[in-house]
Amino acid sequence: MPTTEEPINMLSQPLNLPCGVVLKNRIVKSAMSDSLADGQGNPTDAQARLYEKWAEGGVGLSIIGEVQVDPKFPERPSNLVLCEQSNLKKLQSLTSKAKVNGAHIWAQLGHAGGLSHPTISQPKGPSALKIDNFECAGMSEAEVAQLPNIYAKAAMLAKEVGFSGVQIHAGHGFLLSQFLSPLFNHRNDMYAGDILSRCKIIIDIIDKVRSVVGEKFPIGIKINCTDQLEGGLTQQDALSAMSILDKTTIDLIEISGGSYFPGAKSSSDSLTKGPYFIDFSKKAKQRTSIPIVVTGGFKTREEAITSLQSHAADMVGIARALALDPTLANNWLNHTGNNPMFPRFTSVPEGGITAWYTMRLNAIGNDNESDYSLELEAAIETYENRDAARCIQWLAKFQ
């Protein structure tokens, strides 16, 4: 793409995926755990309205975060679930609303593994671990071998209810990210060792998902370039993983970083101002011809345009900025609005910022974002009380 093009065309240009599907522009609403399911794995009206508003607001693709492939290992009790017990009509209602205005809606297929919510799960990762207050059991070889079938069933159900693609979640410290990380993966079988072996289960899942959804259905993947943890995934191994993914049928690679492992630094705490992973993405572009999304740290239209002009990315992933302004995509595409004003918090209790943004998503889904004014402490209390109630509902349905 010539760098002499007008900047507005850089964001609005369609992207052709390897499977033949076309995304209408280069703006992705990256996955967030929106915490808007009903406590039994099903969508709510507020969740459907949230994604409808992002579609109306101009995004080319929205990805719903943490759609669980196995209700025994959820990230939170407010996640969607794709399994035999799912409410298909509610899922179909969500996807139909999220696809207005030519937008795509993908389900991020997730399995929390060792980071499964302990109140409603018995966390189990690649290996049995006990690190400080963190503890999880290890998966047997037979359990690991079943994962491709579990993901494939969820992907097929996603296609059936109207999702226009799926993203396999291999980042942020959840199960597949745990397999990639030597900090968590201490196995002594075919799924551990060098980076090719640690990628094996991911490749098996991609192959199985592709076999059931067909050649023309988009499959993406989200993968870390760093865990932000000593002893975790290195950048060199992450680059090697890009070369491995290049030989698969993946259609879109989203690069992110960091982990929800207790005590891990967030990307925003330890990296420079501006987009976080541009330098890595430039290197990754030399390893693969698969289109790349970079997510993390985009706060201005100019940053998004520069990442495309410099060929560091094929798409830009936006999360919190779209929580502040659901019409942001149209504003950036048409240059009709300003960049969002990010709130500044003087005192930040643990989990406070995540809770604040999560409850703002709730306000958008209920069409009252203009009245949203929660302080961090109130957001945390509301968020935690709601999840506590949903834990009871989750256990009643799934256990």
Foldseek 3Di string as FASTA:
>chain_A
DALPDDLLCLFQPWDQWPLGDIQRGFEEAEEDQLLQADLAQFHDLLLLLLLLLLLVLPGSEYEYPFAELDLQFGLFSSHHYQDPPYDLVRLLSSQVSNCPNNHAYAYAYFGQAQNGDVLRHQHEACDFDDDPPGTHHYDDPVVLVCVLVSLQSSLLSCVVSRHQAYEYECAANGHLVLLQWQVNHPDDDQCDDANVSSCVSVQSNLVSNCVRPDSNRAYHYEHECEQQDVRTHHNVSVLVVLLVCQPGSHGEYEYDYYHPPPPRDDQVVPADAAQRCLVSLVSSVVRHPHFYEYEGRDQFLVSQSVSSSVVSGSHYHDHLQCLQPSSVSVCSSVVPDGTGDDDDDPDADVPQVVLLSSVSSSCSSVVNNVVDDDDSVRSVVVSVVSSVVSSVVNNVNND
